[in-house]
Protein backbone atom coordinates (compact mmCIF):
# COMPACT_ATOMS: atom_id res chain seq x y z
CA MET A 1 79.75 93.88 105.89
CA GLU A 2 81.68 96.50 108.39
CA ILE A 3 85.62 97.17 107.87
CA ARG A 4 87.02 98.42 111.03
CA PHE A 5 89.49 101.27 110.71
CA ALA A 6 92.15 101.08 113.54
CA GLU A 7 93.07 103.78 115.67
CA SER A 8 95.72 105.89 115.18
CA GLU A 9 97.13 109.17 115.88
CA ARG A 10 96.69 111.78 114.05
CA SER A 11 99.10 112.85 111.38
CA THR A 12 101.70 110.32 112.97
CA LEU A 13 103.80 108.28 109.52
CA GLY A 14 105.44 104.99 108.41
CA ILE A 15 107.33 104.67 105.36
CA GLU A 16 107.55 101.36 102.62
CA TRP A 17 111.14 101.16 100.91
CA GLU A 18 111.37 99.06 97.61
CA ILE A 19 114.67 97.69 97.15
CA ALA A 20 116.08 96.27 94.14
CA LEU A 21 119.62 93.70 94.51
CA VAL A 22 121.83 94.50 91.71
CA GLU A 23 125.12 92.70 90.55
CA ARG A 24 127.79 94.86 91.58
CA SER A 25 129.73 94.15 87.95
CA SER A 26 127.32 94.18 85.65
CA GLY A 27 124.42 96.41 87.06
CA ASP A 28 121.74 93.17 86.35
CA LEU A 29 118.64 92.02 88.73
CA VAL A 30 120.06 89.38 91.32
CA SER A 31 117.09 86.94 92.75
CA VAL A 32 119.40 86.92 96.46
CA ALA A 33 116.26 88.24 98.79
CA GLY A 34 115.71 84.39 100.15
CA ASP A 35 119.61 84.50 101.79
CA VAL A 36 119.34 88.66 102.03
CA LEU A 37 116.12 87.79 104.45
CA ALA A 38 117.97 85.03 106.30
CA ALA A 39 121.54 86.51 107.29
CA LEU A 40 118.83 88.97 108.78
CA ALA A 41 116.66 86.41 110.99
CA LYS A 42 116.90 86.40 113.93
CA PRO A 43 118.62 83.92 116.61
CA ASP A 44 115.10 82.21 116.87
CA GLY A 45 115.05 81.59 112.93
CA SER A 46 112.09 84.05 113.34
CA PRO A 47 112.06 86.87 110.40
CA HIS A 48 113.49 90.28 110.42
CA ASP A 49 110.71 92.78 111.95
CA ARG A 50 111.21 95.39 109.31
CA ILE A 51 112.96 94.69 106.12
CA THR A 52 110.68 92.09 104.60
CA GLY A 53 110.22 90.01 100.87
CA GLU A 54 108.14 91.62 97.93
CA LEU A 55 107.13 89.84 94.94
CA LEU A 56 110.19 89.28 93.46
CA LEU A 57 113.10 87.32 94.93
CA ASN A 58 115.28 90.22 93.43
CA THR A 59 113.38 92.92 95.92
CA VAL A 60 113.54 93.88 99.84
CA GLU A 61 111.33 96.51 100.95
CA LEU A 62 112.01 98.14 104.20
CA VAL A 63 108.85 99.65 106.64
CA THR A 64 109.39 101.77 109.49
CA GLY A 65 107.44 101.80 112.66
CA VAL A 66 105.40 104.41 113.66
CA HIS A 67 106.77 107.93 113.55
CA HIS A 68 105.39 111.64 114.65
CA ARG A 69 108.10 113.20 111.81
CA VAL A 70 109.30 112.45 108.94
CA LYS A 71 113.32 112.58 109.96
CA ASP A 72 112.92 109.91 112.65
CA ALA A 73 110.83 107.43 109.91
CA VAL A 74 113.69 108.65 106.97
CA ALA A 75 116.42 107.99 110.04
CA ASP A 76 114.73 104.40 110.34
CA LEU A 77 114.94 103.77 106.79
CA GLN A 78 118.42 104.28 106.71
CA HIS A 79 119.28 102.46 109.84
CA GLN A 80 117.33 98.96 108.12
CA LEU A 81 119.10 99.90 104.98
CA ALA A 82 122.63 99.72 106.49
CA GLU A 83 121.40 96.19 108.28
CA VAL A 84 120.98 95.06 104.43
CA ARG A 85 124.25 96.58 103.34
CA ALA A 86 126.47 94.84 105.42
CA ILE A 87 124.51 91.57 104.39
CA THR A 88 125.10 92.49 100.45
CA ASP A 89 127.78 94.27 100.21
CA PRO A 90 130.12 91.21 101.30
CA LEU A 91 128.14 89.63 98.72
CA ASP A 92 128.96 92.24 95.70
CA VAL A 93 125.34 92.85 95.74
CA GLU A 94 124.66 96.54 95.37
CA LEU A 95 121.37 98.39 96.13
CA MET A 96 119.27 100.61 93.90
CA CYS A 97 116.08 102.27 93.91
CA ALA A 98 113.93 103.31 90.91
CA GLY A 99 110.64 103.07 89.24
CA SER A 100 111.94 100.51 87.05
CA HIS A 101 115.47 98.69 86.45
CA PRO A 102 116.56 100.31 83.21
CA PHE A 103 117.80 96.76 81.18
CA GLY A 104 116.15 94.20 83.40
CA GLN A 105 113.85 91.67 81.93
CA TRP A 106 110.73 90.09 83.57
CA PHE A 107 111.41 86.43 82.11
CA GLU A 108 114.46 86.06 83.88
CA GLN A 109 113.11 87.52 87.46
CA THR A 110 112.10 84.83 90.22
CA VAL A 111 108.95 84.82 91.98
CA THR A 112 108.94 84.50 95.69
CA ASP A 113 107.47 81.04 97.01
CA LYS A 114 104.77 82.27 98.73
CA GLU A 115 100.28 81.53 97.89
CA ARG A 116 99.81 84.86 97.46
CA TYR A 117 102.06 86.04 94.99
CA HIS A 118 101.49 82.24 93.07
CA LYS A 119 98.28 83.50 92.87
CA LEU A 120 98.41 86.39 91.26
CA ILE A 121 100.74 85.76 88.96
CA ASP A 122 98.71 82.83 87.57
CA ARG A 123 95.35 84.99 87.70
CA THR A 124 97.51 88.05 86.03
CA GLN A 125 100.04 86.54 83.27
CA TRP A 126 101.80 88.56 81.19
CA TRP A 127 100.67 91.56 83.12
CA GLY A 128 101.52 90.29 86.45
CA ARG A 129 105.52 88.89 85.19
CA ASN A 130 105.69 92.34 84.19
CA MET A 131 105.73 93.86 87.60
CA MET A 132 108.89 95.10 87.75
CA ILE A 133 108.20 98.05 89.74
CA TRP A 134 109.98 99.71 92.95
CA GLY A 135 107.88 102.37 94.82
CA ILE A 136 107.34 103.68 97.95
CA HIS A 137 104.66 103.85 99.91
CA VAL A 138 103.38 106.61 102.72
CA HIS A 139 100.78 106.19 105.48
CA VAL A 140 99.63 108.89 107.28
CA GLY A 141 97.46 108.70 110.71
CA ILE A 142 94.34 109.26 110.40
CA ASP A 143 92.07 110.26 113.71
CA ASP A 144 88.61 109.63 112.68
CA ARG A 145 87.19 106.84 110.09
CA GLU A 146 84.77 109.44 108.50
CA LYS A 147 88.33 111.43 107.62
CA ALA A 148 89.15 108.77 105.65
CA LEU A 149 87.34 108.54 102.25
CA PRO A 150 87.34 112.46 102.15
CA ILE A 151 90.88 112.48 102.24
CA VAL A 152 91.71 110.06 99.77
CA ASN A 153 89.52 111.74 97.51
CA SER A 154 91.40 115.69 97.98
CA LEU A 155 95.03 114.04 97.62
CA LEU A 156 93.83 112.96 93.60
CA ASP A 157 94.17 116.55 93.31
CA TYR A 158 97.90 116.42 94.47
CA TYR A 159 98.46 113.00 92.28
CA PRO A 160 100.08 114.72 89.56
CA HIS A 161 102.71 117.12 91.99
CA LEU A 162 103.71 113.50 93.55
CA GLN A 163 104.21 111.53 90.83
CA ALA A 164 106.47 114.18 88.87
CA LEU A 165 108.44 114.83 91.41
CA SER A 166 108.99 110.88 92.25
CA ALA A 167 109.40 109.70 88.27
CA SER A 168 111.93 107.85 88.21
CA SER A 169 110.79 105.07 85.16
CA PRO A 170 111.83 106.25 81.73
CA PHE A 171 113.22 103.12 80.77
CA TRP A 172 111.32 99.65 80.43
CA GLY A 173 113.70 96.18 79.05
CA GLY A 174 116.17 98.48 77.87
CA VAL A 175 113.79 101.18 76.53
CA ASN A 176 113.49 104.25 76.43
CA THR A 177 109.57 104.75 76.78
CA GLY A 178 109.09 108.54 76.85
CA TYR A 179 107.34 108.64 79.40
CA ALA A 180 108.48 109.55 82.88
CA SER A 181 106.95 107.19 84.58
CA ASN A 182 106.12 104.20 83.35
CA ARG A 183 105.62 102.39 86.31
CA ALA A 184 102.73 104.70 86.74
CA LEU A 185 100.50 102.91 83.56
CA MET A 186 102.42 99.69 83.93
CA PHE A 187 100.79 98.95 87.28
CA GLN A 188 97.17 99.80 87.10
CA GLN A 189 97.24 97.24 84.33
CA LEU A 190 96.32 94.93 87.51
CA PRO A 191 92.87 94.05 88.83
CA THR A 192 91.64 96.53 91.58
CA ALA A 193 95.18 98.92 90.85
CA GLY A 194 94.53 102.23 89.40
CA LEU A 195 93.21 104.97 90.79
CA PRO A 196 90.43 104.91 93.24
CA TYR A 197 86.78 105.36 92.80
CA GLN A 198 85.49 108.42 94.92
CA PHE A 199 83.02 107.09 97.47
CA GLY A 200 81.26 109.91 99.44
CA ALA A 201 80.18 107.61 102.43
CA TRP A 202 82.46 104.91 104.36
CA ALA A 203 79.28 103.02 103.58
CA ASN A 204 80.14 102.75 100.28
CA TYR A 205 83.81 101.70 100.57
CA GLU A 206 82.43 98.59 102.39
CA GLU A 207 79.51 97.99 99.46
CA TYR A 208 82.20 97.86 97.07
CA VAL A 209 85.03 95.23 99.22
CA ALA A 210 81.54 93.43 100.14
CA ASP A 211 81.06 92.81 96.24
CA LEU A 212 84.74 92.37 95.26
CA LEU A 213 84.61 89.61 97.94
CA LYS A 214 81.39 88.38 97.15
CA THR A 215 82.51 87.59 92.95
CA GLY A 216 85.98 86.35 94.07
CA VAL A 217 87.84 89.23 92.91
CA ILE A 218 89.84 89.79 96.28
CA SER A 219 89.96 87.67 99.67
CA ASP A 220 90.26 90.38 101.77
CA HIS A 221 90.64 94.07 101.70
CA THR A 222 94.00 94.74 101.33
CA GLU A 223 93.75 93.25 98.04
CA VAL A 224 92.47 96.47 97.12
CA ARG A 225 95.69 98.09 95.52
CA TRP A 226 94.48 101.58 94.39
CA ASP A 227 97.24 103.81 94.41
CA VAL A 228 95.82 105.97 96.55
CA ARG A 229 93.36 103.70 99.64
CA PRO A 230 92.31 103.75 103.22
CA SER A 231 94.44 101.20 105.00
CA PRO A 232 91.88 100.11 107.80
CA GLN A 233 94.60 97.84 109.16
CA TRP A 234 96.69 100.61 110.26
CA GLY A 235 94.39 103.09 110.61
CA THR A 236 95.97 105.41 107.62
CA VAL A 237 95.37 106.42 104.37
CA GLU A 238 98.38 105.47 101.93
CA MET A 239 99.94 106.81 99.16
CA ARG A 240 101.15 104.74 96.80
CA ALA A 241 101.50 106.35 94.06
CA CYS A 242 104.81 107.49 93.91
CA ASP A 243 107.43 105.62 91.79
CA GLY A 244 110.78 104.45 93.66
CA LEU A 245 113.45 107.34 95.42
CA SER A 246 117.29 106.50 95.07
CA THR A 247 117.94 109.20 98.16
CA ALA A 248 116.70 109.83 101.88
CA GLU A 249 116.81 113.86 100.83
CA GLU A 250 113.76 112.30 98.48
CA ILE A 251 111.88 110.09 100.04
CA GLY A 252 112.01 112.86 103.37
CA ALA A 253 111.01 115.64 100.79
CA VAL A 254 108.44 113.55 99.69
CA ALA A 255 106.67 111.85 103.03
CA ALA A 256 106.70 115.78 104.22
CA PHE A 257 104.70 116.90 101.49
CA ILE A 258 102.29 114.06 101.76
CA GLN A 259 102.12 114.78 105.62
CA CYS A 260 101.75 117.88 105.14
CA LEU A 261 99.00 117.52 102.50
CA VAL A 262 97.31 115.00 105.30
CA ASP A 263 97.39 117.11 107.84
CA ASP A 264 95.97 120.13 106.40
CA MET A 265 92.91 118.27 105.28
CA SER A 266 92.45 116.85 108.56
CA GLU A 267 92.41 120.54 109.83
CA ARG A 268 90.00 121.43 107.13
CA LEU A 269 87.98 118.65 108.15
CA ASP A 270 88.07 119.07 111.96
CA ALA A 271 87.18 122.51 111.18
CA GLY A 272 83.63 121.24 109.07
CA GLU A 273 85.39 122.36 106.12
CA GLU A 274 84.78 119.78 102.76
CA PRO A 275 88.45 119.17 100.93
CA PRO A 276 88.59 120.28 97.34
CA THR A 277 88.07 117.38 94.63
CA MET A 278 88.35 117.01 90.81
CA GLN A 279 85.96 115.45 88.82
CA PRO A 280 87.56 111.87 87.79
CA TRP A 281 87.96 112.42 84.20
CA PHE A 282 90.49 115.61 85.55
CA VAL A 283 91.77 113.10 87.58
CA ARG A 284 92.95 110.38 85.16
CA GLU A 285 93.84 113.07 82.65
CA ASN A 286 96.61 114.50 85.40
CA LYS A 287 97.68 110.96 86.43
CA TRP A 288 98.61 110.53 82.51
CA ARG A 289 100.28 114.14 81.85
CA ALA A 290 102.60 113.38 85.17
CA ALA A 291 102.94 109.68 83.85
CA ARG A 292 104.57 111.21 79.91
CA TYR A 293 105.93 114.61 80.89
CA GLY A 294 106.89 114.82 83.97
CA MET A 295 108.01 117.92 85.74
CA GLU A 296 107.19 119.30 82.35
CA ALA A 297 103.53 118.66 82.80
CA GLU A 298 100.87 121.17 83.03
CA ILE A 299 98.65 119.79 85.42
CA ILE A 300 94.56 120.59 85.52
CA LEU A 301 94.60 122.42 88.92
CA ASP A 302 91.10 122.87 90.33
CA SER A 303 87.09 121.39 89.15
CA SER A 304 86.99 124.59 87.19
CA GLY A 305 89.74 123.50 84.92
CA ARG A 306 92.56 126.04 85.37
CA GLU A 307 95.96 124.75 84.29
CA GLU A 308 99.35 125.12 85.41
CA LEU A 309 103.22 123.67 85.05
CA VAL A 310 103.84 121.18 88.05
CA THR A 311 106.55 122.80 88.85
CA ASP A 312 105.30 126.19 89.31
CA ALA A 313 102.40 124.83 90.74
CA VAL A 314 104.77 122.48 93.30
CA ARG A 315 106.68 125.79 94.34
CA ARG A 316 103.16 127.04 95.81
CA GLU A 317 102.13 124.58 97.58
CA LEU A 318 105.43 124.19 99.38
CA GLU A 319 104.71 128.32 100.68
CA ARG A 320 101.06 127.03 101.19
CA LEU A 321 102.22 124.42 103.80
CA ALA A 322 105.32 125.67 105.31
CA PRO A 323 103.22 126.57 108.50
CA VAL A 324 101.78 123.12 108.37
CA ALA A 325 105.18 121.88 107.91
CA ALA A 326 106.56 123.84 111.18
CA ARG A 327 103.60 121.90 112.78
CA LEU A 328 104.34 119.21 111.96
CA GLY A 329 108.32 119.30 112.79
CA CYS A 330 109.33 118.89 108.97
CA THR A 331 109.75 121.95 107.45
CA ALA A 332 113.85 121.22 106.51
CA GLU A 333 112.80 118.13 104.94
CA LEU A 334 109.52 119.63 102.69
CA GLU A 335 112.04 121.92 101.15
CA GLN A 336 114.20 119.30 100.43
CA VAL A 337 111.87 119.22 97.52
CA ASN A 338 113.52 122.02 95.84
CA LEU A 339 116.68 119.65 95.53
CA ILE A 340 114.51 117.59 93.30
CA LEU A 341 113.62 120.81 91.61
CA GLU A 342 116.74 121.70 91.72
CA HIS A 343 118.71 118.91 90.16
CA GLY A 344 115.58 117.20 88.55
CA ALA A 345 113.09 114.29 89.34
CA SER A 346 115.20 111.17 88.83
CA TYR A 347 113.93 110.33 85.52
CA GLN A 348 115.75 113.03 84.33
CA ARG A 349 118.94 112.50 85.82
CA GLN A 350 118.86 108.88 84.26
CA LEU A 351 118.34 110.16 80.55
CA ARG A 352 121.06 112.81 81.54
CA VAL A 353 123.37 110.40 82.26
CA ALA A 354 122.25 107.79 79.63
CA GLU A 355 122.82 110.71 77.20
CA GLN A 356 126.36 111.11 78.72
CA ASN A 357 127.56 108.03 78.39
CA GLY A 358 126.80 106.91 74.99
CA GLY A 359 123.01 105.12 75.76
CA SER A 360 124.55 102.66 78.66
CA LEU A 361 122.00 101.69 80.77
CA ARG A 362 124.82 100.06 83.03
CA ALA A 363 125.93 103.33 83.52
CA VAL A 364 122.31 104.61 84.84
CA VAL A 365 122.28 101.43 87.07
CA ALA A 366 125.66 103.08 88.37
CA SER A 367 124.36 106.53 88.91
CA LEU A 368 121.40 105.14 90.43
CA THR A 369 122.98 102.90 93.39
CA LYS A 370 125.70 105.63 93.52
CA GLU A 371 122.75 108.36 94.75
CA LEU A 372 121.38 105.88 97.19
CA ARG A 373 125.00 105.51 99.11
CA HIS A 374 125.33 109.27 98.25
CA GLY A 375 122.64 111.38 98.22
CA LEU A 376 121.60 114.01 96.18
CA ARG A 377 123.43 116.63 97.41
CA ALA A 378 125.39 118.53 94.83
CA ASP A 379 128.88 118.32 96.99
CA VAL A 380 129.18 114.68 95.92
CA PRO A 381 130.91 114.27 93.09
CA GLY A 382 129.61 112.24 90.07
CA VAL A 383 126.76 111.45 91.91
CA VAL A 384 124.35 113.31 89.35
CA GLY A 385 125.32 113.55 85.50
CA ALA A 386 128.51 112.37 86.07
CA ASP A 387 130.83 112.13 82.59
CA ALA A 388 131.49 108.53 83.58
CA PRO A 389 131.00 106.38 85.95
CA THR A 390 133.90 105.59 88.16
CA THR A 391 135.46 102.33 89.55
CA ALA A 392 135.05 103.30 93.22
CA GLN A 393 134.65 100.00 95.28
CA GLU A 394 130.66 100.91 96.16
CA ASP A 395 129.98 101.71 92.22
CA PHE A 396 130.00 99.70 89.13
CA VAL A 397 133.42 98.89 86.68
CA ILE A 398 131.04 99.72 83.04
């Protein structure tokens, strides 16, 4: 079978941001996405162009248009977030984003009433119902279909960098899992999810999809839910490995990192150079190390087996990619990776807040909603590691 790869301008950008809806007074998840989306509908009753639902009714998803610069994509998301807040603030509903909700329970959540979601749950049962996960997906335009799979394969070398920077799911169902990203290991339980196969040619990918269609594993290629995948309908490579990020600064930083990596690989391919790849067993080990240890992971760097602390590897990549960022107009956003290195990734901040508040996971939710409202900058009092949550209008009363 032939899978058409849509035309796309090189290194253009799109971002999807999954946002959880929580009750202001308690921090509990609330299944009001249907009400929110209805309020955001157009006068003729048609849905919002960019703000959509997800698997569970405790979630809305913000989807940008196509942008050349990370700055513009982030501004697009912030505008949509303001639209959602205009509906949720009067309902005493707060917004948060992390890879998991610290204490939410799967059996208390409502699945969105759509055939594709009911089919997924019916097939996957307990694992599917446990998909209380939030993430960001970053699409980068690919101007030649033959580049897509080499770039997917090479992006796997940087999987641990991105997973460590975005790790934000240390708690699951009220339990400290000991993992920086429990989401990473939970999501891979779904059929066709997890790490991609490292195919050498587009025809191999087409054969794979044809086999899954023939045996009823999937209904179409969009149900191949790899952590990094080609998205033929958009003409992009899509990075899906990242946990949900709670601030615009972090989204800009991670998106810029991804855009620069993809553009650099595209440049190499144009020059006749093949981007580097690693053995699948090294890639799998790196995923586990980054999920378990986050920013303290010692990762495998290349096919020779060299190892390095992930934060050192990230700093080296920031320096290497600086000229690429200048070319793409995302220098400021790429430099915001240093905010994560300085303040800690979200999982570290969450653990710190829990420790400072006697183990209170409601305080952790309060800190996440505060970060989403105010950002990660050090000059915002109480955003990171506050000794105790405040009782301002926008925060929870604990």
